[in-house]
Every structure is written in C-alpha cells, then in structure tokens.
Amino acid sequence: MMASGIGETEVCDCKRTPPVPLGPAVIRDVQNVPLVAHVDDRGYLIEIVRATDPHLPKFGQVYLVGNFAKGTVRAFHKHLEMWDLFFISHGAAKFVLVDDRPESPTYRETNVFVISARNPSLIVVPPGVFHGWMSLEDDTQMISTATEVYRRGNPDEVRVPPDTFGDHWVVKGR
C-alpha cells in the first residue's frame, strides 16, 4: 500500500520469492534466490535477507565488500561452519563455487553465476564449498550475510590460490 502524506507509513505486504533451482548441475545446498525490486516513483526497495528465510540458519554478521576496479578477483576460500549469502548491491560480479565436501553427491562440481544489481538475486553458499568472485564492473559492491561472526585470530576459512580450479576468471567473447 502506498503512503501519500508526510508522517504516514508505508506498509509492504511483499511476498518472498521462493528459491529457484539452477538446473541439474547445481551444487547441493547452493541456492540462487531471486529477489524482487519493489519500484515506485520514489525509487526502489529490495529485501535481501529476513530472519525467517529458510536459507539463513542463523545470523552472525553483515559486511560490505567493494572492488575498485573491473577484473578484481577475490578467491578462493571455504568455511567449515559458516554459511555465506552474497548480494551485489552495485555493479556486477562473476561467482565461482566448487563443492569440496567428499560426502556430497555434487563433490568437485563447479557452478558459475553472474549476478548484478540490475537483476537482483542472493547466492547462498554452504560450508565446505570453495567460493570466489570477480567484479565485472568498476566499483562493484557486495553485501554478505554470514551465519557466524568473523574471528580475526582464528578465522573459519581454508584458502587456496585463485587458479586452483582452472581459469574461471577470464571473460570469454561469445
């Protein structure tokens, strides 16, 4: 319902869009949750994460990461306990995920996603999945929601070099 005057509040009875499977090769427990931009003459509102979302087992922290330049790569690492939820708020990014859970039916499977502020979605990454991203535009910004608080002295992460899983960081002409 739209508010029309100063002091009135806007009530949004927005419905969350359910997660959409990405196809048969999707890594187990990875989700690409499409988000809806509610647009009116004032601008837009996008709900990124709610405490009631089934893909957020618990809340740890939210942080913002910005890449100054197109082509900046931040990869690869995985977590043993933490889930990550990634949203591109400005620009565009290529995400590469590799399942490193031997018990998973998608063990060693690779998924590549391109997400953008122009077509909002949330990438949900479970523990045990290596992940990294590359900005496709200058000044790309990512908002990440994590299920754990970052421990600077003892981080929940295993890091490997960006080329560990092949050359995913090249944008190929089509």
N, C-alpha and C. Protein backbone atom coordinates (compact mmCIF):
# COMPACT_ATOMS: atom_id res chain seq x y z
N MET A 1 0.84 -1.16 0.00
CA MET A 1 0.00 0.00 0.00
C MET A 1 0.89 1.23 0.00
N MET A 2 0.58 2.19 -0.80
CA MET A 2 1.40 3.38 -0.95
C MET A 2 0.99 4.44 0.06
N ALA A 3 1.97 5.07 0.66
CA ALA A 3 1.70 6.19 1.56
C ALA A 3 1.68 7.47 0.73
N SER A 4 0.81 8.40 1.10
CA SER A 4 0.71 9.60 0.28
C SER A 4 1.12 10.86 0.99
N GLY A 5 1.14 10.86 2.32
CA GLY A 5 1.43 12.10 3.01
C GLY A 5 2.58 11.98 3.98
N ILE A 6 3.10 13.11 4.42
CA ILE A 6 4.17 13.13 5.40
C ILE A 6 3.64 12.58 6.70
N GLY A 7 4.43 11.74 7.34
CA GLY A 7 4.04 11.16 8.62
C GLY A 7 3.31 9.84 8.48
N GLU A 8 2.84 9.52 7.29
CA GLU A 8 2.20 8.23 7.09
C GLU A 8 3.28 7.18 6.87
N THR A 9 2.98 5.96 7.20
CA THR A 9 3.95 4.88 6.98
C THR A 9 3.49 4.01 5.83
N GLU A 10 4.44 3.47 5.14
CA GLU A 10 4.15 2.58 4.03
C GLU A 10 4.19 1.16 4.54
N VAL A 11 3.17 0.41 4.21
CA VAL A 11 3.10 -0.98 4.61
C VAL A 11 3.33 -1.83 3.37
N CYS A 12 4.23 -2.75 3.47
CA CYS A 12 4.54 -3.61 2.33
C CYS A 12 4.11 -5.02 2.67
N ASP A 13 3.15 -5.55 1.93
CA ASP A 13 2.79 -6.95 2.13
C ASP A 13 3.50 -7.80 1.07
N CYS A 14 4.80 -7.54 0.97
CA CYS A 14 5.64 -8.16 -0.05
C CYS A 14 5.76 -9.66 0.23
N LYS A 15 5.68 -10.43 -0.83
CA LYS A 15 5.87 -11.87 -0.70
C LYS A 15 7.29 -12.21 -1.12
N ARG A 16 7.92 -13.09 -0.38
CA ARG A 16 9.27 -13.53 -0.73
C ARG A 16 9.16 -14.52 -1.88
N THR A 17 10.07 -14.41 -2.81
CA THR A 17 10.12 -15.34 -3.93
C THR A 17 10.86 -16.58 -3.47
N PRO A 18 10.28 -17.78 -3.70
CA PRO A 18 10.97 -18.99 -3.25
C PRO A 18 12.24 -19.22 -4.06
N PRO A 19 13.20 -19.96 -3.47
CA PRO A 19 14.44 -20.25 -4.18
C PRO A 19 14.16 -21.00 -5.48
N VAL A 20 14.95 -20.71 -6.49
CA VAL A 20 14.78 -21.35 -7.79
C VAL A 20 15.97 -22.27 -8.03
N PRO A 21 15.70 -23.56 -8.34
CA PRO A 21 16.82 -24.44 -8.65
C PRO A 21 17.52 -23.96 -9.92
N LEU A 22 18.82 -24.14 -9.99
CA LEU A 22 19.58 -23.64 -11.12
C LEU A 22 19.79 -24.68 -12.21
N GLY A 23 19.29 -25.87 -12.01
CA GLY A 23 19.46 -26.92 -13.01
C GLY A 23 20.11 -28.14 -12.40
N PRO A 24 20.30 -29.18 -13.21
CA PRO A 24 20.78 -30.45 -12.67
C PRO A 24 22.20 -30.41 -12.13
N ALA A 25 23.01 -29.45 -12.55
CA ALA A 25 24.41 -29.43 -12.12
C ALA A 25 24.64 -28.56 -10.89
N VAL A 26 23.57 -28.07 -10.28
CA VAL A 26 23.76 -27.18 -9.14
C VAL A 26 24.35 -27.94 -7.96
N ILE A 27 25.27 -27.30 -7.28
CA ILE A 27 25.90 -27.90 -6.10
C ILE A 27 24.85 -28.04 -5.00
N ARG A 28 24.88 -29.19 -4.34
CA ARG A 28 23.92 -29.44 -3.26
C ARG A 28 23.98 -28.32 -2.23
N ASP A 29 22.83 -27.83 -1.82
CA ASP A 29 22.63 -26.80 -0.80
C ASP A 29 22.94 -25.38 -1.29
N VAL A 30 23.49 -25.22 -2.48
CA VAL A 30 23.68 -23.88 -3.05
C VAL A 30 22.33 -23.42 -3.59
N GLN A 31 22.02 -22.16 -3.39
CA GLN A 31 20.77 -21.61 -3.90
C GLN A 31 21.03 -20.28 -4.59
N ASN A 32 20.24 -20.02 -5.61
CA ASN A 32 20.20 -18.70 -6.24
C ASN A 32 18.78 -18.19 -6.01
N VAL A 33 18.63 -17.32 -5.05
CA VAL A 33 17.32 -16.83 -4.64
C VAL A 33 17.04 -15.53 -5.38
N PRO A 34 16.08 -15.53 -6.32
CA PRO A 34 15.77 -14.27 -7.00
C PRO A 34 15.11 -13.30 -6.03
N LEU A 35 15.48 -12.06 -6.13
CA LEU A 35 14.92 -11.02 -5.26
C LEU A 35 14.08 -10.08 -6.11
N VAL A 36 13.10 -9.46 -5.48
CA VAL A 36 12.18 -8.58 -6.19
C VAL A 36 12.49 -7.14 -5.82
N ALA A 37 12.61 -6.30 -6.84
CA ALA A 37 12.75 -4.85 -6.62
C ALA A 37 11.35 -4.26 -6.66
N HIS A 38 10.93 -3.67 -5.54
CA HIS A 38 9.64 -3.00 -5.46
C HIS A 38 9.87 -1.55 -5.86
N VAL A 39 9.35 -1.18 -7.02
CA VAL A 39 9.66 0.12 -7.62
C VAL A 39 8.41 0.99 -7.65
N ASP A 40 8.60 2.25 -7.29
CA ASP A 40 7.55 3.24 -7.49
C ASP A 40 8.22 4.56 -7.88
N ASP A 41 7.46 5.64 -7.89
CA ASP A 41 8.00 6.91 -8.38
C ASP A 41 9.08 7.49 -7.47
N ARG A 42 9.26 6.95 -6.28
CA ARG A 42 10.32 7.43 -5.38
C ARG A 42 11.63 6.70 -5.57
N GLY A 43 11.56 5.49 -6.11
CA GLY A 43 12.76 4.68 -6.24
C GLY A 43 12.42 3.21 -6.09
N TYR A 44 13.27 2.48 -5.37
CA TYR A 44 13.06 1.04 -5.24
C TYR A 44 13.49 0.54 -3.87
N LEU A 45 12.96 -0.62 -3.50
CA LEU A 45 13.29 -1.31 -2.26
C LEU A 45 13.48 -2.78 -2.59
N ILE A 46 14.58 -3.35 -2.12
CA ILE A 46 14.85 -4.78 -2.31
C ILE A 46 15.09 -5.39 -0.94
N GLU A 47 14.28 -6.37 -0.57
CA GLU A 47 14.52 -7.12 0.66
C GLU A 47 15.58 -8.17 0.35
N ILE A 48 16.68 -8.14 1.10
CA ILE A 48 17.80 -9.04 0.81
C ILE A 48 17.71 -10.31 1.65
N VAL A 49 17.59 -10.16 2.96
CA VAL A 49 17.54 -11.31 3.86
C VAL A 49 16.58 -10.99 5.00
N ARG A 50 15.80 -11.98 5.38
CA ARG A 50 14.93 -11.88 6.55
C ARG A 50 15.32 -12.98 7.54
N ALA A 51 15.10 -12.71 8.81
CA ALA A 51 15.40 -13.71 9.84
C ALA A 51 14.58 -14.98 9.65
N THR A 52 13.45 -14.88 8.98
CA THR A 52 12.57 -16.03 8.77
C THR A 52 12.89 -16.82 7.49
N ASP A 53 13.87 -16.37 6.72
CA ASP A 53 14.23 -17.08 5.49
C ASP A 53 14.83 -18.45 5.82
N PRO A 54 14.35 -19.51 5.15
CA PRO A 54 14.88 -20.85 5.44
C PRO A 54 16.35 -21.01 5.05
N HIS A 55 16.85 -20.18 4.15
CA HIS A 55 18.25 -20.29 3.74
C HIS A 55 19.20 -19.50 4.65
N LEU A 56 18.69 -18.96 5.76
CA LEU A 56 19.53 -18.31 6.77
C LEU A 56 19.37 -19.08 8.07
N PRO A 57 20.20 -20.12 8.29
CA PRO A 57 20.05 -20.93 9.50
C PRO A 57 20.19 -20.14 10.80
N LYS A 58 21.07 -19.14 10.79
CA LYS A 58 21.22 -18.23 11.93
C LYS A 58 21.96 -17.00 11.44
N PHE A 59 21.96 -15.96 12.26
CA PHE A 59 22.61 -14.71 11.87
C PHE A 59 23.90 -14.51 12.63
N GLY A 60 24.98 -14.15 11.92
CA GLY A 60 26.26 -13.83 12.53
C GLY A 60 26.62 -12.38 12.35
N GLN A 61 26.74 -11.94 11.09
CA GLN A 61 27.08 -10.55 10.80
C GLN A 61 26.80 -10.24 9.33
N VAL A 62 26.77 -8.94 9.03
CA VAL A 62 26.65 -8.44 7.65
C VAL A 62 27.85 -7.56 7.39
N TYR A 63 28.44 -7.68 6.20
CA TYR A 63 29.55 -6.80 5.85
C TYR A 63 29.47 -6.44 4.36
N LEU A 64 30.12 -5.34 4.01
CA LEU A 64 30.15 -4.83 2.65
C LEU A 64 31.57 -4.95 2.11
N VAL A 65 31.70 -5.48 0.89
CA VAL A 65 32.99 -5.57 0.22
C VAL A 65 32.88 -4.80 -1.09
N GLY A 66 33.84 -3.92 -1.35
CA GLY A 66 33.84 -3.17 -2.60
C GLY A 66 35.12 -3.41 -3.37
N ASN A 67 34.99 -3.63 -4.66
CA ASN A 67 36.14 -3.74 -5.55
C ASN A 67 36.22 -2.47 -6.37
N PHE A 68 37.37 -1.79 -6.32
CA PHE A 68 37.54 -0.54 -7.06
C PHE A 68 37.49 -0.75 -8.57
N ALA A 69 38.09 -1.84 -9.05
CA ALA A 69 38.27 -1.99 -10.49
C ALA A 69 37.65 -3.27 -11.04
N LYS A 70 37.16 -3.18 -12.25
CA LYS A 70 36.69 -4.32 -13.02
C LYS A 70 37.84 -5.33 -13.11
N GLY A 71 37.53 -6.62 -12.93
CA GLY A 71 38.54 -7.66 -13.04
C GLY A 71 39.23 -8.02 -11.74
N THR A 72 38.88 -7.36 -10.64
CA THR A 72 39.46 -7.70 -9.34
C THR A 72 38.90 -9.05 -8.88
N VAL A 73 39.80 -9.98 -8.53
CA VAL A 73 39.41 -11.32 -8.12
C VAL A 73 39.66 -11.49 -6.63
N ARG A 74 38.69 -12.05 -5.95
CA ARG A 74 38.82 -12.42 -4.53
C ARG A 74 38.46 -13.90 -4.45
N ALA A 75 39.49 -14.76 -4.42
CA ALA A 75 39.23 -16.19 -4.45
C ALA A 75 40.48 -16.95 -4.02
N PHE A 76 40.33 -18.16 -3.65
CA PHE A 76 39.19 -18.96 -3.22
C PHE A 76 39.33 -19.24 -1.74
N HIS A 77 38.21 -19.42 -1.07
CA HIS A 77 38.23 -19.94 0.29
C HIS A 77 36.92 -20.67 0.56
N LYS A 78 36.95 -21.50 1.59
CA LYS A 78 35.75 -22.19 2.05
C LYS A 78 35.70 -22.07 3.56
N HIS A 79 34.55 -22.33 4.11
CA HIS A 79 34.35 -22.32 5.56
C HIS A 79 33.99 -23.72 6.02
N LEU A 80 34.31 -24.02 7.26
CA LEU A 80 33.97 -25.32 7.83
C LEU A 80 32.62 -25.28 8.53
N GLU A 81 32.23 -24.12 9.04
CA GLU A 81 30.96 -23.98 9.77
C GLU A 81 30.02 -22.94 9.16
N MET A 82 30.57 -21.90 8.61
CA MET A 82 29.78 -20.73 8.23
C MET A 82 29.11 -20.87 6.86
N TRP A 83 27.87 -20.37 6.79
CA TRP A 83 27.16 -20.18 5.53
C TRP A 83 27.37 -18.72 5.11
N ASP A 84 27.49 -18.48 3.80
CA ASP A 84 27.58 -17.12 3.25
C ASP A 84 26.39 -16.88 2.32
N LEU A 85 25.86 -15.67 2.37
CA LEU A 85 24.80 -15.24 1.46
C LEU A 85 25.28 -13.97 0.79
N PHE A 86 25.41 -13.98 -0.53
CA PHE A 86 26.01 -12.87 -1.27
C PHE A 86 24.98 -12.14 -2.12
N PHE A 87 25.04 -10.81 -2.07
CA PHE A 87 24.15 -9.94 -2.83
C PHE A 87 24.97 -8.81 -3.45
N ILE A 88 24.84 -8.60 -4.73
CA ILE A 88 25.53 -7.49 -5.39
C ILE A 88 24.61 -6.27 -5.35
N SER A 89 25.04 -5.24 -4.62
CA SER A 89 24.23 -4.03 -4.47
C SER A 89 24.56 -2.97 -5.51
N HIS A 90 25.74 -3.07 -6.11
CA HIS A 90 26.16 -2.10 -7.12
C HIS A 90 27.12 -2.79 -8.08
N GLY A 91 26.88 -2.68 -9.37
CA GLY A 91 27.76 -3.30 -10.34
C GLY A 91 27.33 -4.71 -10.69
N ALA A 92 28.32 -5.54 -11.02
CA ALA A 92 28.07 -6.93 -11.42
C ALA A 92 29.28 -7.78 -11.06
N ALA A 93 29.03 -9.07 -10.84
CA ALA A 93 30.12 -9.96 -10.43
C ALA A 93 29.90 -11.37 -10.96
N LYS A 94 31.02 -12.05 -11.15
CA LYS A 94 31.03 -13.46 -11.52
C LYS A 94 31.45 -14.24 -10.29
N PHE A 95 30.64 -15.21 -9.88
CA PHE A 95 30.94 -16.06 -8.73
C PHE A 95 31.27 -17.46 -9.23
N VAL A 96 32.29 -18.07 -8.64
CA VAL A 96 32.66 -19.45 -8.95
C VAL A 96 32.63 -20.23 -7.64
N LEU A 97 31.91 -21.35 -7.64
CA LEU A 97 31.77 -22.20 -6.46
C LEU A 97 32.21 -23.62 -6.82
N VAL A 98 32.94 -24.26 -5.91
CA VAL A 98 33.42 -25.63 -6.12
C VAL A 98 33.12 -26.43 -4.86
N ASP A 99 32.37 -27.52 -5.02
CA ASP A 99 31.99 -28.36 -3.89
C ASP A 99 33.20 -29.18 -3.45
N ASP A 100 33.62 -29.01 -2.19
CA ASP A 100 34.77 -29.74 -1.65
C ASP A 100 34.35 -30.64 -0.48
N ARG A 101 33.10 -31.10 -0.51
CA ARG A 101 32.59 -31.98 0.55
C ARG A 101 32.53 -33.41 0.00
N PRO A 102 33.48 -34.27 0.42
CA PRO A 102 33.53 -35.64 -0.13
C PRO A 102 32.22 -36.41 0.00
N GLU A 103 31.41 -36.11 1.02
CA GLU A 103 30.15 -36.83 1.23
C GLU A 103 29.02 -36.31 0.35
N SER A 104 29.24 -35.22 -0.34
CA SER A 104 28.20 -34.59 -1.16
C SER A 104 28.05 -35.30 -2.50
N PRO A 105 26.82 -35.47 -2.99
CA PRO A 105 26.63 -36.06 -4.32
C PRO A 105 27.16 -35.16 -5.45
N THR A 106 27.43 -33.90 -5.13
CA THR A 106 27.98 -32.97 -6.14
C THR A 106 29.45 -32.64 -5.85
N TYR A 107 30.13 -33.54 -5.14
CA TYR A 107 31.55 -33.34 -4.82
C TYR A 107 32.34 -33.04 -6.09
N ARG A 108 33.14 -32.00 -6.03
CA ARG A 108 34.00 -31.50 -7.11
C ARG A 108 33.24 -30.82 -8.25
N GLU A 109 31.93 -30.67 -8.10
CA GLU A 109 31.14 -29.95 -9.10
C GLU A 109 31.46 -28.46 -9.01
N THR A 110 31.45 -27.77 -10.15
CA THR A 110 31.69 -26.33 -10.20
C THR A 110 30.45 -25.63 -10.70
N ASN A 111 30.07 -24.55 -10.06
CA ASN A 111 28.98 -23.68 -10.52
C ASN A 111 29.52 -22.29 -10.73
N VAL A 112 29.07 -21.65 -11.80
CA VAL A 112 29.44 -20.27 -12.10
C VAL A 112 28.16 -19.46 -12.23
N PHE A 113 28.11 -18.32 -11.54
CA PHE A 113 26.95 -17.43 -11.58
C PHE A 113 27.41 -16.02 -11.90
N VAL A 114 26.63 -15.31 -12.66
CA VAL A 114 26.83 -13.88 -12.84
C VAL A 114 25.62 -13.21 -12.22
N ILE A 115 25.87 -12.35 -11.24
CA ILE A 115 24.76 -11.63 -10.62
C ILE A 115 25.05 -10.14 -10.69
N SER A 116 23.98 -9.38 -10.69
CA SER A 116 24.08 -7.96 -10.95
C SER A 116 23.05 -7.20 -10.13
N ALA A 117 23.35 -5.95 -9.85
CA ALA A 117 22.38 -5.08 -9.19
C ALA A 117 21.16 -4.87 -10.08
N ARG A 118 21.31 -5.04 -11.38
CA ARG A 118 20.20 -4.84 -12.33
C ARG A 118 19.20 -5.99 -12.32
N ASN A 119 19.64 -7.15 -11.87
CA ASN A 119 18.79 -8.34 -11.81
C ASN A 119 19.07 -9.01 -10.47
N PRO A 120 18.51 -8.48 -9.38
CA PRO A 120 18.94 -8.88 -8.04
C PRO A 120 18.64 -10.33 -7.68
N SER A 121 19.63 -10.96 -7.07
CA SER A 121 19.46 -12.30 -6.52
C SER A 121 20.46 -12.47 -5.38
N LEU A 122 20.25 -13.53 -4.63
CA LEU A 122 21.07 -13.84 -3.47
C LEU A 122 21.67 -15.22 -3.69
N ILE A 123 23.00 -15.33 -3.64
CA ILE A 123 23.67 -16.62 -3.78
C ILE A 123 23.93 -17.15 -2.37
N VAL A 124 23.44 -18.35 -2.09
CA VAL A 124 23.59 -18.99 -0.78
C VAL A 124 24.65 -20.08 -0.91
N VAL A 125 25.72 -19.97 -0.09
CA VAL A 125 26.85 -20.90 -0.17
C VAL A 125 27.00 -21.62 1.18
N PRO A 126 26.87 -22.95 1.18
CA PRO A 126 27.01 -23.70 2.43
C PRO A 126 28.47 -23.91 2.81
N PRO A 127 28.72 -24.35 4.05
CA PRO A 127 30.07 -24.70 4.46
C PRO A 127 30.63 -25.81 3.57
N GLY A 128 31.94 -25.80 3.36
CA GLY A 128 32.59 -26.84 2.58
C GLY A 128 32.65 -26.58 1.09
N VAL A 129 32.10 -25.46 0.65
CA VAL A 129 32.11 -25.11 -0.77
C VAL A 129 33.08 -23.94 -0.97
N PHE A 130 34.13 -24.18 -1.77
CA PHE A 130 35.05 -23.08 -2.10
C PHE A 130 34.29 -22.06 -2.93
N HIS A 131 34.57 -20.78 -2.67
CA HIS A 131 33.90 -19.73 -3.43
C HIS A 131 34.83 -18.54 -3.63
N GLY A 132 34.59 -17.85 -4.72
CA GLY A 132 35.32 -16.64 -5.04
C GLY A 132 34.51 -15.82 -6.01
N TRP A 133 34.93 -14.57 -6.17
CA TRP A 133 34.19 -13.71 -7.09
C TRP A 133 35.12 -12.71 -7.75
N MET A 134 34.66 -12.23 -8.91
CA MET A 134 35.39 -11.23 -9.68
C MET A 134 34.41 -10.12 -10.07
N SER A 135 34.84 -8.88 -9.89
CA SER A 135 33.99 -7.76 -10.31
C SER A 135 34.02 -7.65 -11.83
N LEU A 136 32.85 -7.45 -12.41
CA LEU A 136 32.73 -7.29 -13.86
C LEU A 136 32.60 -5.83 -14.26
N GLU A 137 32.47 -4.96 -13.26
CA GLU A 137 32.37 -3.52 -13.49
C GLU A 137 33.20 -2.81 -12.43
N ASP A 138 33.65 -1.61 -12.74
CA ASP A 138 34.31 -0.79 -11.72
C ASP A 138 33.33 -0.52 -10.58
N ASP A 139 33.88 -0.39 -9.38
CA ASP A 139 33.10 -0.05 -8.19
C ASP A 139 31.95 -1.02 -7.91
N THR A 140 32.23 -2.32 -8.06
CA THR A 140 31.23 -3.33 -7.71
C THR A 140 31.22 -3.51 -6.20
N GLN A 141 30.02 -3.59 -5.64
CA GLN A 141 29.86 -3.74 -4.20
C GLN A 141 29.02 -4.97 -3.89
N MET A 142 29.50 -5.76 -2.92
CA MET A 142 28.81 -6.95 -2.49
C MET A 142 28.45 -6.83 -1.01
N ILE A 143 27.22 -7.17 -0.69
CA ILE A 143 26.80 -7.27 0.70
C ILE A 143 26.75 -8.75 1.04
N SER A 144 27.45 -9.13 2.09
CA SER A 144 27.49 -10.52 2.51
C SER A 144 26.88 -10.67 3.89
N THR A 145 26.01 -11.65 4.02
CA THR A 145 25.45 -12.01 5.31
C THR A 145 26.06 -13.36 5.68
N ALA A 146 26.60 -13.45 6.88
CA ALA A 146 27.25 -14.68 7.34
C ALA A 146 26.54 -15.22 8.57
N THR A 147 26.58 -16.54 8.72
CA THR A 147 25.93 -17.15 9.88
C THR A 147 26.81 -17.16 11.12
N GLU A 148 28.06 -16.75 10.97
CA GLU A 148 28.99 -16.69 12.10
C GLU A 148 29.66 -15.33 12.13
N VAL A 149 30.12 -14.92 13.30
CA VAL A 149 30.91 -13.70 13.43
C VAL A 149 32.34 -14.04 13.03
N TYR A 150 32.96 -13.17 12.25
CA TYR A 150 34.34 -13.38 11.81
C TYR A 150 35.28 -13.33 13.01
N ARG A 151 36.12 -14.36 13.14
CA ARG A 151 37.11 -14.43 14.22
C ARG A 151 38.47 -14.08 13.63
N ARG A 152 38.94 -12.88 13.86
CA ARG A 152 40.20 -12.42 13.26
C ARG A 152 41.40 -13.29 13.64
N GLY A 153 41.48 -13.70 14.88
CA GLY A 153 42.61 -14.50 15.34
C GLY A 153 42.55 -15.96 14.91
N ASN A 154 41.35 -16.45 14.60
CA ASN A 154 41.16 -17.84 14.24
C ASN A 154 40.00 -17.95 13.24
N PRO A 155 40.21 -17.45 12.02
CA PRO A 155 39.10 -17.43 11.07
C PRO A 155 38.69 -18.83 10.62
N ASP A 156 37.40 -18.98 10.36
CA ASP A 156 36.83 -20.23 9.85
C ASP A 156 36.99 -20.22 8.33
N GLU A 157 38.21 -20.47 7.87
CA GLU A 157 38.43 -20.47 6.43
C GLU A 157 39.64 -21.30 6.05
N VAL A 158 39.55 -21.88 4.87
CA VAL A 158 40.66 -22.57 4.23
C VAL A 158 40.83 -21.87 2.89
N ARG A 159 42.04 -21.34 2.63
CA ARG A 159 42.29 -20.57 1.41
C ARG A 159 43.16 -21.34 0.44
N VAL A 160 42.87 -21.15 -0.85
CA VAL A 160 43.69 -21.69 -1.93
C VAL A 160 43.82 -20.60 -3.00
N PRO A 161 44.84 -20.68 -3.87
CA PRO A 161 45.05 -19.64 -4.88
C PRO A 161 43.89 -19.54 -5.89
N PRO A 162 43.74 -18.37 -6.52
CA PRO A 162 42.63 -18.14 -7.46
C PRO A 162 42.61 -19.06 -8.68
N ASP A 163 43.75 -19.64 -9.05
CA ASP A 163 43.79 -20.51 -10.23
C ASP A 163 43.70 -22.00 -9.88
N THR A 164 43.41 -22.32 -8.64
CA THR A 164 43.36 -23.71 -8.17
C THR A 164 42.40 -24.57 -8.98
N PHE A 165 41.27 -24.02 -9.38
CA PHE A 165 40.22 -24.80 -10.06
C PHE A 165 40.12 -24.47 -11.55
N GLY A 166 41.20 -23.97 -12.11
CA GLY A 166 41.20 -23.61 -13.53
C GLY A 166 41.09 -22.11 -13.72
N ASP A 167 40.95 -21.73 -14.97
CA ASP A 167 40.92 -20.31 -15.31
C ASP A 167 39.48 -19.84 -15.51
N HIS A 168 38.80 -19.64 -14.41
CA HIS A 168 37.41 -19.17 -14.46
C HIS A 168 37.32 -17.65 -14.52
N TRP A 169 38.43 -16.98 -14.40
CA TRP A 169 38.39 -15.52 -14.24
C TRP A 169 38.58 -14.76 -15.55
N VAL A 170 38.45 -15.46 -16.66
CA VAL A 170 38.54 -14.82 -17.97
C VAL A 170 37.12 -14.65 -18.52
N VAL A 171 36.80 -13.46 -18.98
CA VAL A 171 35.52 -13.24 -19.64
C VAL A 171 35.74 -13.56 -21.11
N LYS A 172 35.03 -14.58 -21.59
CA LYS A 172 35.24 -15.06 -22.96
C LYS A 172 34.24 -14.41 -23.91
N GLY A 173 34.74 -14.04 -25.08
CA GLY A 173 33.86 -13.49 -26.11
C GLY A 173 32.88 -14.53 -26.61
N ARG A 174 31.69 -14.09 -26.90
CA ARG A 174 30.67 -15.01 -27.41
C ARG A 174 30.01 -14.40 -28.63
